[in-house]
Amino acid sequence: MTTNRPKRLTEAKARAIADTAELAKAASWSTTNEWNVTADDGTVLVVVTPSYGGATRSGRNGWKYYLPAIGRTGTRDRWPTRQQAAVQGLMAWIRWATAAR
């Protein structure tokens, strides 16, 4: 899979971007229940989605994230709140943005 990876960021620059990012409902929230973590310039860094398959009445068992730059990864990891999933997603984004090309 090819991605349009931007120039590698320094750790300090990536953390500065992540520190100012905000969690907000996605434009498609009414149908997907997804939330976006966006940078100040409007770039979506992380998408947080509900995870289903649990034993509750709704079937929801937590929240997952993915990086739109690389697509859905199919991870089995999930977190109890969307805020925790967003933090984990931002940490993954920092690793991705600072990785050697």
N, C-alpha and C. Protein backbone atom coordinates (compact mmCIF):
# COMPACT_ATOMS: atom_id res chain seq x y z
N MET A 1 0.84 -1.16 0.00
CA MET A 1 0.00 0.00 0.00
C MET A 1 0.90 1.24 0.00
N THR A 2 0.60 2.19 -0.85
CA THR A 2 1.37 3.41 -0.88
C THR A 2 0.60 4.50 -0.15
N THR A 3 1.34 5.32 0.55
CA THR A 3 0.73 6.44 1.25
C THR A 3 1.48 7.70 0.90
N ASN A 4 0.82 8.80 0.99
CA ASN A 4 1.46 10.09 0.78
C ASN A 4 2.01 10.56 2.12
N ARG A 5 3.13 10.00 2.50
CA ARG A 5 3.71 10.35 3.78
C ARG A 5 4.38 11.70 3.69
N PRO A 6 4.06 12.58 4.60
CA PRO A 6 4.75 13.87 4.62
C PRO A 6 6.18 13.68 5.09
N LYS A 7 6.95 14.73 4.96
CA LYS A 7 8.32 14.70 5.45
C LYS A 7 8.33 14.31 6.91
N ARG A 8 9.32 13.55 7.31
CA ARG A 8 9.43 13.09 8.70
C ARG A 8 9.49 14.29 9.64
N LEU A 9 8.72 14.20 10.71
CA LEU A 9 8.70 15.26 11.71
C LEU A 9 9.66 14.93 12.84
N THR A 10 10.15 15.96 13.50
CA THR A 10 10.93 15.73 14.71
C THR A 10 9.98 15.34 15.83
N GLU A 11 10.50 14.73 16.84
CA GLU A 11 9.69 14.33 18.00
C GLU A 11 9.02 15.56 18.62
N ALA A 12 9.76 16.65 18.75
CA ALA A 12 9.22 17.86 19.37
C ALA A 12 8.08 18.45 18.54
N LYS A 13 8.23 18.50 17.22
CA LYS A 13 7.20 19.05 16.34
C LYS A 13 5.95 18.16 16.38
N ALA A 14 6.13 16.83 16.31
CA ALA A 14 4.99 15.91 16.36
C ALA A 14 4.24 16.04 17.68
N ARG A 15 4.95 16.16 18.79
CA ARG A 15 4.30 16.32 20.09
C ARG A 15 3.56 17.65 20.18
N ALA A 16 4.14 18.70 19.59
CA ALA A 16 3.47 20.01 19.60
C ALA A 16 2.15 19.94 18.83
N ILE A 17 2.14 19.25 17.71
CA ILE A 17 0.91 19.08 16.93
C ILE A 17 -0.10 18.28 17.72
N ALA A 18 0.35 17.18 18.34
CA ALA A 18 -0.54 16.32 19.11
C ALA A 18 -1.10 17.04 20.33
N ASP A 19 -0.29 17.90 20.95
CA ASP A 19 -0.73 18.62 22.15
C ASP A 19 -1.88 19.58 21.85
N THR A 20 -1.94 20.10 20.65
CA THR A 20 -3.00 21.06 20.32
C THR A 20 -4.17 20.42 19.59
N ALA A 21 -4.09 19.12 19.31
CA ALA A 21 -5.16 18.42 18.59
C ALA A 21 -6.41 18.32 19.47
N GLU A 22 -7.57 18.28 18.81
CA GLU A 22 -8.83 18.22 19.53
C GLU A 22 -9.69 17.06 19.05
N LEU A 23 -10.44 16.48 19.98
CA LEU A 23 -11.37 15.40 19.69
C LEU A 23 -12.75 16.00 19.47
N ALA A 24 -13.34 15.72 18.30
CA ALA A 24 -14.66 16.26 17.97
C ALA A 24 -15.41 15.26 17.11
N LYS A 25 -16.74 15.40 17.09
CA LYS A 25 -17.56 14.52 16.26
C LYS A 25 -17.17 14.67 14.80
N ALA A 26 -17.10 13.55 14.10
CA ALA A 26 -16.83 13.57 12.67
C ALA A 26 -18.05 14.08 11.92
N ALA A 27 -17.85 14.54 10.70
CA ALA A 27 -18.98 15.02 9.89
C ALA A 27 -20.01 13.91 9.68
N SER A 28 -19.54 12.67 9.63
CA SER A 28 -20.43 11.52 9.42
C SER A 28 -20.91 10.91 10.73
N TRP A 29 -20.79 11.63 11.83
CA TRP A 29 -21.09 11.07 13.14
C TRP A 29 -22.52 10.50 13.24
N SER A 30 -23.48 11.14 12.62
CA SER A 30 -24.87 10.69 12.77
C SER A 30 -25.10 9.29 12.22
N THR A 31 -24.27 8.85 11.29
CA THR A 31 -24.43 7.50 10.74
C THR A 31 -23.33 6.54 11.20
N THR A 32 -22.14 7.07 11.55
CA THR A 32 -21.02 6.18 11.88
C THR A 32 -20.63 6.20 13.34
N ASN A 33 -21.04 7.22 14.08
CA ASN A 33 -20.63 7.43 15.48
C ASN A 33 -19.12 7.61 15.62
N GLU A 34 -18.44 8.02 14.55
CA GLU A 34 -16.99 8.23 14.60
C GLU A 34 -16.66 9.62 15.13
N TRP A 35 -15.50 9.70 15.75
CA TRP A 35 -14.96 10.96 16.25
C TRP A 35 -13.61 11.17 15.60
N ASN A 36 -13.26 12.43 15.32
CA ASN A 36 -11.97 12.75 14.72
C ASN A 36 -11.10 13.51 15.70
N VAL A 37 -9.81 13.21 15.67
CA VAL A 37 -8.82 14.00 16.39
C VAL A 37 -8.15 14.83 15.31
N THR A 38 -8.34 16.15 15.36
CA THR A 38 -7.85 17.02 14.30
C THR A 38 -6.78 17.97 14.82
N ALA A 39 -5.84 18.28 13.92
CA ALA A 39 -4.80 19.26 14.21
C ALA A 39 -5.37 20.66 14.03
N ASP A 40 -4.62 21.67 14.41
CA ASP A 40 -5.06 23.06 14.28
C ASP A 40 -5.39 23.44 12.85
N ASP A 41 -4.69 22.83 11.87
CA ASP A 41 -4.93 23.18 10.47
C ASP A 41 -6.09 22.40 9.86
N GLY A 42 -6.77 21.58 10.66
CA GLY A 42 -7.93 20.82 10.18
C GLY A 42 -7.61 19.43 9.69
N THR A 43 -6.35 19.03 9.70
CA THR A 43 -5.95 17.69 9.27
C THR A 43 -6.43 16.66 10.29
N VAL A 44 -7.08 15.62 9.80
CA VAL A 44 -7.54 14.55 10.69
C VAL A 44 -6.35 13.62 10.95
N LEU A 45 -5.92 13.55 12.19
CA LEU A 45 -4.78 12.71 12.58
C LEU A 45 -5.22 11.31 12.95
N VAL A 46 -6.34 11.20 13.66
CA VAL A 46 -6.82 9.93 14.20
C VAL A 46 -8.34 9.89 14.07
N VAL A 47 -8.87 8.72 13.76
CA VAL A 47 -10.32 8.50 13.77
C VAL A 47 -10.61 7.49 14.87
N VAL A 48 -11.54 7.85 15.76
CA VAL A 48 -11.94 6.98 16.87
C VAL A 48 -13.31 6.42 16.54
N THR A 49 -13.43 5.09 16.59
CA THR A 49 -14.68 4.43 16.23
C THR A 49 -15.16 3.54 17.36
N PRO A 50 -16.47 3.36 17.47
CA PRO A 50 -16.98 2.44 18.49
C PRO A 50 -16.63 1.00 18.11
N SER A 51 -16.40 0.19 19.13
CA SER A 51 -16.08 -1.22 18.92
C SER A 51 -17.30 -2.04 19.35
N TYR A 52 -17.67 -2.98 18.51
CA TYR A 52 -18.84 -3.80 18.81
C TYR A 52 -18.42 -5.26 18.99
N GLY A 53 -19.29 -6.04 19.57
CA GLY A 53 -19.02 -7.45 19.77
C GLY A 53 -19.08 -7.85 21.22
N GLY A 54 -19.49 -6.93 22.06
CA GLY A 54 -19.56 -7.21 23.49
C GLY A 54 -20.87 -7.86 23.89
N ALA A 55 -20.99 -8.12 25.17
CA ALA A 55 -22.16 -8.80 25.70
C ALA A 55 -23.22 -7.82 26.21
N THR A 56 -23.00 -6.52 26.02
CA THR A 56 -23.99 -5.55 26.49
C THR A 56 -25.19 -5.52 25.57
N ARG A 57 -26.23 -4.85 25.99
CA ARG A 57 -27.45 -4.76 25.19
C ARG A 57 -27.19 -4.15 23.82
N SER A 58 -26.35 -3.11 23.77
CA SER A 58 -26.06 -2.45 22.49
C SER A 58 -25.01 -3.21 21.69
N GLY A 59 -24.26 -4.08 22.35
CA GLY A 59 -23.18 -4.81 21.68
C GLY A 59 -21.87 -4.05 21.67
N ARG A 60 -21.88 -2.82 22.14
CA ARG A 60 -20.66 -2.01 22.15
C ARG A 60 -19.77 -2.45 23.30
N ASN A 61 -18.48 -2.61 23.01
CA ASN A 61 -17.57 -3.04 24.06
C ASN A 61 -16.34 -2.14 24.18
N GLY A 62 -16.41 -0.92 23.73
CA GLY A 62 -15.30 0.01 23.86
C GLY A 62 -15.11 0.84 22.61
N TRP A 63 -13.89 1.36 22.47
CA TRP A 63 -13.54 2.24 21.36
C TRP A 63 -12.21 1.82 20.75
N LYS A 64 -12.09 1.98 19.45
CA LYS A 64 -10.86 1.70 18.72
C LYS A 64 -10.45 2.96 17.97
N TYR A 65 -9.24 2.96 17.45
CA TYR A 65 -8.78 4.09 16.63
C TYR A 65 -8.10 3.55 15.38
N TYR A 66 -7.97 4.42 14.40
CA TYR A 66 -7.10 4.15 13.26
C TYR A 66 -6.55 5.46 12.73
N LEU A 67 -5.44 5.38 12.03
CA LEU A 67 -4.82 6.55 11.43
C LEU A 67 -5.29 6.64 9.98
N PRO A 68 -5.97 7.71 9.60
CA PRO A 68 -6.47 7.82 8.23
C PRO A 68 -5.36 7.77 7.19
N ALA A 69 -4.15 8.18 7.58
CA ALA A 69 -3.03 8.18 6.64
C ALA A 69 -2.63 6.77 6.21
N ILE A 70 -2.90 5.77 7.05
CA ILE A 70 -2.53 4.40 6.69
C ILE A 70 -3.74 3.47 6.61
N GLY A 71 -4.91 3.93 6.99
CA GLY A 71 -6.12 3.13 6.87
C GLY A 71 -6.39 2.27 8.09
N ARG A 72 -7.49 1.55 8.02
CA ARG A 72 -7.88 0.67 9.13
C ARG A 72 -6.90 -0.50 9.22
N THR A 73 -6.45 -0.79 10.43
CA THR A 73 -5.44 -1.83 10.61
C THR A 73 -6.00 -3.13 11.14
N GLY A 74 -7.22 -3.13 11.61
CA GLY A 74 -7.81 -4.36 12.12
C GLY A 74 -7.29 -4.77 13.48
N THR A 75 -6.82 -3.81 14.26
CA THR A 75 -6.31 -4.14 15.58
C THR A 75 -7.42 -4.65 16.49
N ARG A 76 -7.07 -5.53 17.40
CA ARG A 76 -8.04 -6.05 18.36
C ARG A 76 -8.07 -5.21 19.62
N ASP A 77 -7.13 -4.28 19.75
CA ASP A 77 -7.06 -3.44 20.94
C ASP A 77 -8.26 -2.51 21.01
N ARG A 78 -8.75 -2.31 22.22
CA ARG A 78 -9.85 -1.37 22.42
C ARG A 78 -9.72 -0.76 23.80
N TRP A 79 -10.34 0.42 23.96
CA TRP A 79 -10.25 1.16 25.21
C TRP A 79 -11.65 1.49 25.70
N PRO A 80 -11.83 1.65 27.01
CA PRO A 80 -13.16 1.86 27.57
C PRO A 80 -13.80 3.20 27.17
N THR A 81 -13.00 4.24 26.93
CA THR A 81 -13.56 5.54 26.57
C THR A 81 -12.97 6.03 25.26
N ARG A 82 -13.69 6.91 24.59
CA ARG A 82 -13.17 7.46 23.32
C ARG A 82 -11.96 8.35 23.58
N GLN A 83 -11.89 8.99 24.76
CA GLN A 83 -10.74 9.83 25.08
C GLN A 83 -9.48 8.98 25.21
N GLN A 84 -9.59 7.82 25.84
CA GLN A 84 -8.43 6.93 25.97
C GLN A 84 -7.99 6.41 24.60
N ALA A 85 -8.95 6.07 23.76
CA ALA A 85 -8.63 5.62 22.40
C ALA A 85 -7.96 6.74 21.62
N ALA A 86 -8.41 7.98 21.80
CA ALA A 86 -7.82 9.12 21.11
C ALA A 86 -6.37 9.33 21.54
N VAL A 87 -6.09 9.21 22.83
CA VAL A 87 -4.72 9.36 23.33
C VAL A 87 -3.83 8.27 22.74
N GLN A 88 -4.30 7.03 22.75
CA GLN A 88 -3.52 5.93 22.16
C GLN A 88 -3.29 6.17 20.67
N GLY A 89 -4.32 6.68 20.00
CA GLY A 89 -4.19 7.00 18.58
C GLY A 89 -3.18 8.10 18.32
N LEU A 90 -3.17 9.12 19.16
CA LEU A 90 -2.18 10.19 19.00
C LEU A 90 -0.77 9.68 19.24
N MET A 91 -0.60 8.78 20.19
CA MET A 91 0.72 8.20 20.42
C MET A 91 1.16 7.40 19.20
N ALA A 92 0.23 6.67 18.58
CA ALA A 92 0.55 5.93 17.37
C ALA A 92 0.87 6.89 16.23
N TRP A 93 0.14 8.01 16.14
CA TRP A 93 0.40 8.99 15.09
C TRP A 93 1.79 9.60 15.26
N ILE A 94 2.19 9.89 16.49
CA ILE A 94 3.54 10.43 16.75
C ILE A 94 4.59 9.44 16.28
N ARG A 95 4.40 8.15 16.61
CA ARG A 95 5.36 7.13 16.16
C ARG A 95 5.42 7.08 14.64
N TRP A 96 4.26 7.16 13.98
CA TRP A 96 4.20 7.12 12.52
C TRP A 96 4.85 8.35 11.90
N ALA A 97 4.55 9.54 12.46
CA ALA A 97 5.05 10.80 11.90
C ALA A 97 6.55 10.98 12.09
N THR A 98 7.11 10.33 13.10
CA THR A 98 8.54 10.49 13.38
C THR A 98 9.37 9.31 12.90
N ALA A 99 8.73 8.31 12.30
CA ALA A 99 9.45 7.11 11.86
C ALA A 99 10.36 7.43 10.67
N ALA A 100 11.45 6.72 10.60
CA ALA A 100 12.39 6.88 9.48
C ALA A 100 11.69 6.47 8.19
N ARG A 101 11.95 7.18 7.15
CA ARG A 101 11.31 6.91 5.86
C ARG A 101 12.11 5.92 5.06
